[in-house]
Every structure is written in C-alpha cells, then in structure tokens.
C-alpha cells in the first residue's frame, strides 16, 4: 500500500484535497438551511476519524490533521471572492476533476487496492454529507434525505471514480 512518500508533491496535493472538495461540494449541492448546513459540516468527521484509526496507510495520511488543514486552506483560496452560485459550480467541477485525477494517479502507479479504498472512502464521505440533513425541511421536519442535486453529484462522483453507481438513498 502507498504512502505520501510514493507521490510527487503535485499528485499528493490532488489526493489530499479531494476529500474536502467532495464533502464541501456535496454540502453546497443541497440547500439545507442553517441547521442542515451545520449537520453537513460535521458529517465528514466520522469517515475521517475512521480512516485515521483504520489499517490503510494512504487514507491515514490523507486524513492527518495537518493534511486536512492544508487542503481546507487550498479549497478556501480556490473560491475566495466568488458568489455562492459560482462557488457551488467551482466546487462541483473541482471535486469531480480531482476525483478523476486521483483515480488516474493511483492506477498509474499500479495501486488498484489503494484506488479501491480511496474511492470507497470518497463515496462514503459524500454519502454521509448528503444524508446528514433533510433538504427542504423546516427545523428538521419534512423534506427529503438526499436532494436531487446531491444524487446527481454523487452519481457523477461514481463515474469520476470509475466505481459502479450505488444510488444515493
């Protein structure tokens, strides 16, 4: 299994930034309101903690505190000064492109096991964010668990990762 030292700085940046791009892009795809946005903001914590405590070296390193902080700074710089709709589009495109590039990076190095684990990690991350809050609800009542824009983004993520679509529900 691969570790950070197996990658160029540019490749590592892609691998490190992709989870945060996916989580934030999925959160931005929905319209959860204040409470839902808070729930979606904390949804990535569990998959990241699971990866930190897991047996996969690549995922452990990607989820190290310093790596997560660096990737969040990069995401913030990417969208600085943009209006919400532009941010939403920018994040969606970046998340899908980074996911595709991450798959290519891992496959080019012959790391099928890492590519599979990384793809499943990203998929779980996106699912948890999408399911964290009901879209279109009022104070947590009503609405749908995963909105159509979130389902669409998750399906596009599946294609970018080259994994079979699993559905969003």
N, C-alpha and C. Protein backbone atom coordinates (compact mmCIF):
# COMPACT_ATOMS: atom_id res chain seq x y z
N UNK A 1 0.83 -1.18 0.00
CA UNK A 1 0.00 0.00 0.00
C UNK A 1 0.88 1.25 0.00
N UNK A 2 0.36 2.28 -0.65
CA UNK A 2 1.12 3.50 -0.84
C UNK A 2 1.05 4.42 0.38
N UNK A 3 2.05 5.29 0.47
CA UNK A 3 2.08 6.35 1.47
C UNK A 3 2.44 7.65 0.77
N UNK A 4 2.43 8.73 1.49
CA UNK A 4 2.70 10.06 0.95
C UNK A 4 4.02 10.11 0.17
N UNK A 5 5.02 9.41 0.66
CA UNK A 5 6.34 9.45 0.03
C UNK A 5 6.36 8.82 -1.36
N UNK A 6 5.31 8.08 -1.72
CA UNK A 6 5.23 7.45 -3.03
C UNK A 6 4.75 8.39 -4.13
N UNK A 7 4.42 9.64 -3.76
CA UNK A 7 3.80 10.55 -4.71
C UNK A 7 4.59 11.85 -4.84
N UNK A 8 4.49 12.45 -6.01
CA UNK A 8 5.07 13.79 -6.19
C UNK A 8 4.24 14.77 -5.37
N UNK A 9 4.77 15.95 -5.14
CA UNK A 9 4.05 16.97 -4.37
C UNK A 9 2.73 17.33 -5.05
N UNK A 10 2.74 17.40 -6.38
CA UNK A 10 1.53 17.73 -7.13
C UNK A 10 0.48 16.62 -7.01
N UNK A 11 0.90 15.37 -7.14
CA UNK A 11 -0.03 14.25 -7.00
C UNK A 11 -0.58 14.18 -5.58
N UNK A 12 0.28 14.40 -4.59
CA UNK A 12 -0.17 14.36 -3.21
C UNK A 12 -1.20 15.45 -2.94
N UNK A 13 -1.00 16.61 -3.53
CA UNK A 13 -1.96 17.70 -3.35
C UNK A 13 -3.34 17.28 -3.84
N UNK A 14 -3.39 16.60 -4.98
CA UNK A 14 -4.68 16.12 -5.50
C UNK A 14 -5.29 15.12 -4.52
N UNK A 15 -4.52 14.15 -4.08
CA UNK A 15 -5.04 13.13 -3.16
C UNK A 15 -5.49 13.74 -1.84
N UNK A 16 -4.77 14.72 -1.37
CA UNK A 16 -5.08 15.36 -0.09
C UNK A 16 -6.32 16.25 -0.18
N UNK A 17 -6.48 16.99 -1.29
CA UNK A 17 -7.57 17.95 -1.41
C UNK A 17 -8.91 17.32 -1.79
N UNK A 18 -8.88 16.20 -2.45
CA UNK A 18 -10.12 15.62 -2.99
C UNK A 18 -11.18 15.34 -1.92
N UNK A 19 -10.85 14.75 -0.77
CA UNK A 19 -11.92 14.51 0.22
C UNK A 19 -12.64 15.79 0.66
N UNK A 20 -11.90 16.86 0.90
CA UNK A 20 -12.55 18.10 1.33
C UNK A 20 -13.38 18.70 0.20
N UNK A 21 -12.86 18.63 -1.02
CA UNK A 21 -13.63 19.12 -2.16
C UNK A 21 -14.94 18.35 -2.30
N UNK A 22 -14.89 17.04 -2.16
CA UNK A 22 -16.10 16.22 -2.27
C UNK A 22 -17.10 16.59 -1.18
N UNK A 23 -16.63 16.65 0.07
CA UNK A 23 -17.53 16.95 1.18
C UNK A 23 -18.18 18.32 1.02
N UNK A 24 -17.40 19.32 0.69
CA UNK A 24 -17.94 20.67 0.58
C UNK A 24 -18.83 20.81 -0.65
N UNK A 25 -18.46 20.16 -1.76
CA UNK A 25 -19.28 20.22 -2.97
C UNK A 25 -20.64 19.57 -2.74
N UNK A 26 -20.68 18.45 -2.04
CA UNK A 26 -21.96 17.80 -1.76
C UNK A 26 -22.80 18.68 -0.85
N UNK A 27 -22.19 19.26 0.17
CA UNK A 27 -22.92 20.15 1.07
C UNK A 27 -23.49 21.35 0.30
N UNK A 28 -22.71 21.90 -0.61
CA UNK A 28 -23.15 23.06 -1.39
C UNK A 28 -24.23 22.69 -2.40
N UNK A 29 -24.26 21.43 -2.82
CA UNK A 29 -25.25 20.99 -3.82
C UNK A 29 -26.67 21.03 -3.26
N UNK A 30 -26.80 20.77 -1.96
CA UNK A 30 -28.12 20.80 -1.33
C UNK A 30 -28.43 22.20 -0.84
N UNK A 31 -29.61 22.33 -0.32
CA UNK A 31 -29.99 23.61 0.29
C UNK A 31 -30.63 23.27 1.63
N UNK A 32 -29.78 23.10 2.62
CA UNK A 32 -30.20 22.54 3.90
C UNK A 32 -30.59 23.55 4.95
N UNK A 33 -30.39 24.81 4.70
CA UNK A 33 -30.67 25.81 5.71
C UNK A 33 -29.60 25.79 6.79
N UNK A 34 -29.78 26.61 7.79
CA UNK A 34 -28.76 26.78 8.83
C UNK A 34 -28.48 25.49 9.59
N UNK A 35 -29.50 24.85 10.13
CA UNK A 35 -29.30 23.63 10.93
C UNK A 35 -28.73 22.52 10.06
N UNK A 36 -29.28 22.36 8.87
CA UNK A 36 -28.78 21.33 7.97
C UNK A 36 -27.34 21.58 7.56
N UNK A 37 -26.99 22.83 7.35
CA UNK A 37 -25.61 23.16 6.97
C UNK A 37 -24.64 22.80 8.08
N UNK A 38 -25.04 23.02 9.33
CA UNK A 38 -24.19 22.64 10.46
C UNK A 38 -24.03 21.12 10.49
N UNK A 39 -25.12 20.39 10.30
CA UNK A 39 -25.05 18.92 10.30
C UNK A 39 -24.15 18.42 9.17
N UNK A 40 -24.26 19.03 8.01
CA UNK A 40 -23.43 18.63 6.88
C UNK A 40 -21.97 19.00 7.09
N UNK A 41 -21.72 20.07 7.81
CA UNK A 41 -20.34 20.48 8.08
C UNK A 41 -19.62 19.49 8.99
N UNK A 42 -20.36 18.85 9.90
CA UNK A 42 -19.72 17.89 10.81
C UNK A 42 -19.79 16.45 10.30
N UNK A 43 -20.56 16.21 9.25
CA UNK A 43 -20.71 14.85 8.71
C UNK A 43 -19.39 14.20 8.29
N UNK A 44 -18.42 14.94 7.73
CA UNK A 44 -17.16 14.30 7.32
C UNK A 44 -16.29 13.82 8.48
N UNK A 45 -16.58 14.25 9.68
CA UNK A 45 -15.73 13.91 10.82
C UNK A 45 -15.65 12.40 11.02
N UNK A 46 -16.75 11.69 10.98
CA UNK A 46 -16.75 10.25 11.22
C UNK A 46 -15.91 9.49 10.20
N UNK A 47 -16.11 9.69 8.89
CA UNK A 47 -15.26 8.96 7.93
C UNK A 47 -13.78 9.30 8.08
N UNK A 48 -13.47 10.54 8.42
CA UNK A 48 -12.07 10.93 8.59
C UNK A 48 -11.48 10.24 9.83
N UNK A 49 -12.23 10.22 10.92
CA UNK A 49 -11.76 9.52 12.13
C UNK A 49 -11.62 8.02 11.87
N UNK A 50 -12.57 7.45 11.15
CA UNK A 50 -12.48 6.02 10.81
C UNK A 50 -11.21 5.74 10.00
N UNK A 51 -10.91 6.62 9.04
CA UNK A 51 -9.70 6.44 8.22
C UNK A 51 -8.44 6.59 9.07
N UNK A 52 -8.44 7.54 9.99
CA UNK A 52 -7.29 7.75 10.87
C UNK A 52 -7.02 6.54 11.75
N UNK A 53 -8.08 5.85 12.13
CA UNK A 53 -7.95 4.69 13.01
C UNK A 53 -7.88 3.38 12.23
N UNK A 54 -8.00 3.46 10.91
CA UNK A 54 -8.04 2.27 10.09
C UNK A 54 -6.66 1.72 9.76
N UNK A 55 -6.66 0.68 8.95
CA UNK A 55 -5.43 -0.03 8.59
C UNK A 55 -4.84 0.40 7.26
N UNK A 56 -5.45 1.39 6.61
CA UNK A 56 -4.97 1.78 5.29
C UNK A 56 -4.04 2.99 5.41
N UNK A 57 -2.73 2.80 5.14
CA UNK A 57 -1.75 3.88 5.32
C UNK A 57 -2.05 5.14 4.51
N UNK A 58 -2.47 4.99 3.26
CA UNK A 58 -2.75 6.15 2.43
C UNK A 58 -3.88 6.99 3.03
N UNK A 59 -4.96 6.33 3.42
CA UNK A 59 -6.10 7.05 3.99
C UNK A 59 -5.72 7.69 5.32
N UNK A 60 -4.93 6.99 6.12
CA UNK A 60 -4.49 7.58 7.40
C UNK A 60 -3.72 8.86 7.15
N UNK A 61 -2.83 8.84 6.17
CA UNK A 61 -2.02 10.04 5.90
C UNK A 61 -2.86 11.17 5.30
N UNK A 62 -3.76 10.85 4.39
CA UNK A 62 -4.63 11.88 3.80
C UNK A 62 -5.47 12.56 4.88
N UNK A 63 -5.83 11.82 5.91
CA UNK A 63 -6.71 12.34 6.95
C UNK A 63 -5.99 12.92 8.17
N UNK A 64 -4.68 12.99 8.11
CA UNK A 64 -3.94 13.62 9.21
C UNK A 64 -4.38 15.08 9.33
N UNK A 65 -4.39 15.56 10.55
CA UNK A 65 -4.86 16.92 10.83
C UNK A 65 -4.18 17.97 9.94
N UNK A 66 -2.87 17.90 9.81
CA UNK A 66 -2.14 18.88 9.02
C UNK A 66 -2.55 18.83 7.55
N UNK A 67 -2.79 17.62 7.05
CA UNK A 67 -3.19 17.46 5.65
C UNK A 67 -4.60 18.03 5.42
N UNK A 68 -5.49 17.75 6.34
CA UNK A 68 -6.87 18.27 6.23
C UNK A 68 -6.84 19.80 6.29
N UNK A 69 -6.08 20.36 7.22
CA UNK A 69 -5.99 21.82 7.32
C UNK A 69 -5.43 22.43 6.04
N UNK A 70 -4.38 21.83 5.50
CA UNK A 70 -3.79 22.35 4.26
C UNK A 70 -4.78 22.28 3.10
N UNK A 71 -5.54 21.19 3.03
CA UNK A 71 -6.50 21.07 1.94
C UNK A 71 -7.65 22.05 2.10
N UNK A 72 -8.09 22.30 3.32
CA UNK A 72 -9.16 23.28 3.54
C UNK A 72 -8.69 24.68 3.15
N UNK A 73 -7.44 25.00 3.45
CA UNK A 73 -6.88 26.30 3.04
C UNK A 73 -6.85 26.42 1.52
N UNK A 74 -6.49 25.35 0.85
CA UNK A 74 -6.45 25.36 -0.61
C UNK A 74 -7.85 25.53 -1.20
N UNK A 75 -8.84 24.87 -0.60
CA UNK A 75 -10.22 25.00 -1.07
C UNK A 75 -10.70 26.43 -0.85
N UNK A 76 -10.40 26.97 0.31
CA UNK A 76 -10.81 28.34 0.62
C UNK A 76 -10.20 29.32 -0.39
N UNK A 77 -8.94 29.15 -0.71
CA UNK A 77 -8.28 30.03 -1.68
C UNK A 77 -8.91 29.88 -3.07
N UNK A 78 -9.34 28.69 -3.41
CA UNK A 78 -9.93 28.42 -4.72
C UNK A 78 -11.23 29.20 -4.93
N UNK A 79 -12.01 29.41 -3.88
CA UNK A 79 -13.33 30.03 -4.02
C UNK A 79 -13.40 31.45 -3.47
N UNK A 80 -12.30 31.95 -2.99
CA UNK A 80 -12.28 33.28 -2.38
C UNK A 80 -12.82 34.34 -3.34
N UNK A 81 -13.74 35.15 -2.82
CA UNK A 81 -14.29 36.26 -3.59
C UNK A 81 -15.38 35.90 -4.57
N UNK A 82 -15.80 34.64 -4.60
CA UNK A 82 -16.85 34.23 -5.53
C UNK A 82 -18.22 34.27 -4.85
N UNK A 83 -19.27 34.51 -5.65
CA UNK A 83 -20.62 34.43 -5.11
C UNK A 83 -21.01 32.96 -4.95
N UNK A 84 -22.10 32.70 -4.21
CA UNK A 84 -22.45 31.32 -3.85
C UNK A 84 -22.65 30.41 -5.06
N UNK A 85 -23.34 30.88 -6.07
CA UNK A 85 -23.58 30.03 -7.24
C UNK A 85 -22.28 29.69 -7.96
N UNK A 86 -21.38 30.64 -8.04
CA UNK A 86 -20.08 30.38 -8.65
C UNK A 86 -19.28 29.41 -7.79
N UNK A 87 -19.35 29.60 -6.48
CA UNK A 87 -18.67 28.68 -5.55
C UNK A 87 -19.21 27.27 -5.74
N UNK A 88 -20.51 27.14 -5.79
CA UNK A 88 -21.15 25.82 -5.96
C UNK A 88 -20.63 25.13 -7.23
N UNK A 89 -20.60 25.87 -8.33
CA UNK A 89 -20.13 25.33 -9.60
C UNK A 89 -18.64 25.00 -9.54
N UNK A 90 -17.86 25.91 -8.99
CA UNK A 90 -16.41 25.70 -8.88
C UNK A 90 -16.11 24.46 -8.06
N UNK A 91 -16.78 24.32 -6.93
CA UNK A 91 -16.54 23.16 -6.06
C UNK A 91 -16.94 21.85 -6.73
N UNK A 92 -18.08 21.85 -7.39
CA UNK A 92 -18.56 20.65 -8.09
C UNK A 92 -17.54 20.21 -9.13
N UNK A 93 -17.14 21.15 -9.98
CA UNK A 93 -16.20 20.82 -11.05
C UNK A 93 -14.86 20.37 -10.49
N UNK A 94 -14.38 21.06 -9.47
CA UNK A 94 -13.09 20.69 -8.86
C UNK A 94 -13.16 19.32 -8.19
N UNK A 95 -14.25 19.04 -7.49
CA UNK A 95 -14.39 17.74 -6.81
C UNK A 95 -14.39 16.60 -7.83
N UNK A 96 -15.12 16.75 -8.90
CA UNK A 96 -15.19 15.70 -9.91
C UNK A 96 -13.86 15.53 -10.64
N UNK A 97 -13.22 16.65 -10.98
CA UNK A 97 -11.92 16.59 -11.67
C UNK A 97 -10.85 15.99 -10.75
N UNK A 98 -10.83 16.40 -9.50
CA UNK A 98 -9.85 15.85 -8.56
C UNK A 98 -10.09 14.35 -8.34
N UNK A 99 -11.34 13.94 -8.24
CA UNK A 99 -11.65 12.52 -8.05
C UNK A 99 -11.14 11.71 -9.25
N UNK A 100 -11.38 12.22 -10.45
CA UNK A 100 -10.90 11.54 -11.66
C UNK A 100 -9.37 11.47 -11.67
N UNK A 101 -8.73 12.60 -11.35
CA UNK A 101 -7.27 12.64 -11.34
C UNK A 101 -6.70 11.73 -10.25
N UNK A 102 -7.33 11.70 -9.10
CA UNK A 102 -6.85 10.83 -8.01
C UNK A 102 -6.89 9.37 -8.46
N UNK A 103 -7.99 8.97 -9.09
CA UNK A 103 -8.09 7.59 -9.61
C UNK A 103 -6.97 7.31 -10.60
N UNK A 104 -6.73 8.26 -11.52
CA UNK A 104 -5.68 8.08 -12.52
C UNK A 104 -4.31 7.99 -11.87
N UNK A 105 -4.04 8.81 -10.88
CA UNK A 105 -2.75 8.80 -10.18
C UNK A 105 -2.53 7.43 -9.54
N UNK A 106 -3.52 6.94 -8.84
CA UNK A 106 -3.38 5.66 -8.14
C UNK A 106 -3.28 4.50 -9.13
N UNK A 107 -4.05 4.54 -10.19
CA UNK A 107 -3.99 3.47 -11.19
C UNK A 107 -2.67 3.49 -11.95
N UNK A 108 -2.15 4.67 -12.25
CA UNK A 108 -0.89 4.78 -12.98
C UNK A 108 0.26 4.17 -12.20
N UNK A 109 0.17 4.19 -10.90
CA UNK A 109 1.21 3.60 -10.05
C UNK A 109 0.93 2.11 -9.78
N UNK A 110 -0.13 1.57 -10.39
CA UNK A 110 -0.46 0.16 -10.19
C UNK A 110 -0.99 -0.14 -8.80
N UNK A 111 -1.68 0.83 -8.23
CA UNK A 111 -2.17 0.70 -6.86
C UNK A 111 -3.68 0.46 -6.84
N UNK A 112 -4.10 -0.66 -7.40
CA UNK A 112 -5.53 -0.96 -7.51
C UNK A 112 -6.19 -1.03 -6.13
N UNK A 113 -5.52 -1.63 -5.16
CA UNK A 113 -6.09 -1.74 -3.81
C UNK A 113 -6.26 -0.34 -3.19
N UNK A 114 -5.28 0.52 -3.39
CA UNK A 114 -5.38 1.88 -2.87
C UNK A 114 -6.48 2.66 -3.61
N UNK A 115 -6.55 2.50 -4.92
CA UNK A 115 -7.59 3.19 -5.69
C UNK A 115 -8.97 2.78 -5.22
N UNK A 116 -9.15 1.49 -4.94
CA UNK A 116 -10.43 0.99 -4.46
C UNK A 116 -10.77 1.56 -3.08
N UNK A 117 -9.82 1.51 -2.17
CA UNK A 117 -10.05 2.02 -0.81
C UNK A 117 -10.31 3.53 -0.83
N UNK A 118 -9.55 4.25 -1.62
CA UNK A 118 -9.69 5.70 -1.72
C UNK A 118 -11.06 6.05 -2.31
N UNK A 119 -11.45 5.36 -3.36
CA UNK A 119 -12.76 5.59 -3.98
C UNK A 119 -13.90 5.31 -3.02
N UNK A 120 -13.81 4.23 -2.27
CA UNK A 120 -14.85 3.91 -1.29
C UNK A 120 -14.91 4.95 -0.19
N UNK A 121 -13.73 5.43 0.23
CA UNK A 121 -13.67 6.48 1.24
C UNK A 121 -14.37 7.75 0.75
N UNK A 122 -14.08 8.17 -0.48
CA UNK A 122 -14.71 9.37 -1.03
C UNK A 122 -16.21 9.18 -1.18
N UNK A 123 -16.61 8.00 -1.62
CA UNK A 123 -18.04 7.72 -1.79
C UNK A 123 -18.76 7.78 -0.44
N UNK A 124 -18.17 7.18 0.58
CA UNK A 124 -18.76 7.20 1.93
C UNK A 124 -18.84 8.64 2.45
N UNK A 125 -17.80 9.39 2.24
CA UNK A 125 -17.77 10.78 2.66
C UNK A 125 -18.92 11.56 2.02
N UNK A 126 -19.06 11.44 0.71
CA UNK A 126 -20.14 12.13 0.00
C UNK A 126 -21.51 11.69 0.47
N UNK A 127 -21.69 10.39 0.67
CA UNK A 127 -22.97 9.86 1.15
C UNK A 127 -23.32 10.41 2.53
N UNK A 128 -22.36 10.42 3.43
CA UNK A 128 -22.62 10.89 4.79
C UNK A 128 -23.01 12.37 4.80
N UNK A 129 -22.33 13.16 3.98
CA UNK A 129 -22.68 14.58 3.92
C UNK A 129 -24.09 14.73 3.33
N UNK A 130 -24.38 14.02 2.26
CA UNK A 130 -25.69 14.12 1.62
C UNK A 130 -26.82 13.70 2.56
N UNK A 131 -26.57 12.70 3.38
CA UNK A 131 -27.62 12.18 4.28
C UNK A 131 -27.66 12.88 5.63
N UNK A 132 -26.78 13.83 5.87
CA UNK A 132 -26.68 14.47 7.18
C UNK A 132 -27.90 15.31 7.52
N UNK A 133 -28.55 15.88 6.53
CA UNK A 133 -29.69 16.75 6.79
C UNK A 133 -30.72 16.59 5.68
N UNK A 134 -31.98 16.73 6.06
CA UNK A 134 -33.05 16.68 5.07
C UNK A 134 -33.07 18.00 4.31
N UNK A 135 -33.15 17.90 3.00
CA UNK A 135 -33.20 19.10 2.16
C UNK A 135 -34.65 19.58 2.08
N UNK A 136 -34.83 20.88 2.20
CA UNK A 136 -36.16 21.46 2.10
C UNK A 136 -37.00 21.26 3.34
N UNK A 137 -36.35 20.94 4.47
CA UNK A 137 -37.11 20.74 5.71
C UNK A 137 -37.22 22.06 6.47
N UNK A 138 -38.08 22.05 7.46
CA UNK A 138 -38.21 23.20 8.35
C UNK A 138 -37.92 22.73 9.76
N UNK A 139 -36.82 23.23 10.34
CA UNK A 139 -36.39 22.84 11.68
C UNK A 139 -36.24 21.32 11.81
N UNK A 140 -35.81 20.69 10.72
CA UNK A 140 -35.57 19.26 10.74
C UNK A 140 -36.76 18.40 10.41
N UNK A 141 -37.90 19.01 10.11
CA UNK A 141 -39.11 18.24 9.80
C UNK A 141 -39.41 18.35 8.32
N UNK A 142 -39.80 17.22 7.73
CA UNK A 142 -40.15 17.21 6.32
C UNK A 142 -38.92 17.17 5.44
N UNK A 143 -39.13 17.44 4.18
CA UNK A 143 -38.02 17.44 3.24
C UNK A 143 -37.61 16.05 2.82
N UNK A 144 -36.59 15.98 1.99
CA UNK A 144 -36.08 14.68 1.54
C UNK A 144 -34.65 14.51 2.04
N UNK A 145 -34.29 13.27 2.35
CA UNK A 145 -32.99 13.00 2.95
C UNK A 145 -31.85 13.39 2.02
N UNK A 146 -31.93 13.03 0.76
CA UNK A 146 -30.89 13.38 -0.22
C UNK A 146 -31.59 14.06 -1.39
N UNK A 147 -31.20 15.28 -1.67
CA UNK A 147 -31.84 16.05 -2.73
C UNK A 147 -31.41 15.56 -4.12
N UNK A 148 -32.16 15.96 -5.11
CA UNK A 148 -31.82 15.59 -6.49
C UNK A 148 -30.44 16.11 -6.90
N UNK A 149 -30.10 17.38 -6.58
CA UNK A 149 -28.74 17.83 -6.92
C UNK A 149 -27.65 17.01 -6.23
N UNK A 150 -27.89 16.59 -5.00
CA UNK A 150 -26.91 15.75 -4.31
C UNK A 150 -26.81 14.38 -4.96
N UNK A 151 -27.96 13.78 -5.32
CA UNK A 151 -27.95 12.47 -6.00
C UNK A 151 -27.20 12.55 -7.32
N UNK A 152 -27.44 13.63 -8.06
CA UNK A 152 -26.76 13.81 -9.33
C UNK A 152 -25.25 13.93 -9.13
N UNK A 153 -24.84 14.73 -8.16
CA UNK A 153 -23.41 14.89 -7.89
C UNK A 153 -22.78 13.57 -7.45
N UNK A 154 -23.46 12.81 -6.61
CA UNK A 154 -22.93 11.52 -6.16
C UNK A 154 -22.79 10.55 -7.33
N UNK A 155 -23.75 10.57 -8.26
CA UNK A 155 -23.65 9.70 -9.45
C UNK A 155 -22.48 10.13 -10.33
N UNK A 156 -22.28 11.44 -10.46
CA UNK A 156 -21.14 11.93 -11.24
C UNK A 156 -19.82 11.57 -10.55
N UNK A 157 -19.81 11.62 -9.24
CA UNK A 157 -18.63 11.22 -8.47
C UNK A 157 -18.31 9.75 -8.73
N UNK A 158 -19.34 8.90 -8.72
CA UNK A 158 -19.14 7.48 -9.03
C UNK A 158 -18.45 7.32 -10.38
N UNK A 159 -18.94 8.05 -11.38
CA UNK A 159 -18.34 7.95 -12.72
C UNK A 159 -16.90 8.44 -12.70
N UNK A 160 -16.63 9.54 -12.00
CA UNK A 160 -15.26 10.06 -11.93
C UNK A 160 -14.32 9.07 -11.26
N UNK A 161 -14.84 8.34 -10.29
CA UNK A 161 -14.03 7.36 -9.57
C UNK A 161 -13.96 6.02 -10.27
N UNK A 162 -14.80 5.84 -11.28
CA UNK A 162 -14.83 4.58 -12.01
C UNK A 162 -15.41 3.45 -11.18
N UNK A 163 -16.32 3.78 -10.27
CA UNK A 163 -16.96 2.73 -9.47
C UNK A 163 -18.43 2.64 -9.85
N UNK A 164 -19.02 1.45 -9.68
CA UNK A 164 -20.43 1.29 -10.02
C UNK A 164 -21.31 2.22 -9.18
N UNK A 165 -22.31 2.81 -9.82
CA UNK A 165 -23.24 3.67 -9.10
C UNK A 165 -23.93 2.87 -8.01
N UNK A 166 -24.05 3.49 -6.84
CA UNK A 166 -24.68 2.81 -5.70
C UNK A 166 -26.02 3.43 -5.33
N UNK A 167 -26.40 4.50 -5.95
CA UNK A 167 -27.62 5.21 -5.57
C UNK A 167 -27.34 6.04 -4.34
N UNK A 168 -28.19 7.00 -4.10
CA UNK A 168 -27.95 7.95 -3.02
C UNK A 168 -28.78 7.65 -1.79
N UNK A 169 -29.72 6.79 -1.88
CA UNK A 169 -30.59 6.57 -0.71
C UNK A 169 -30.11 5.44 0.15
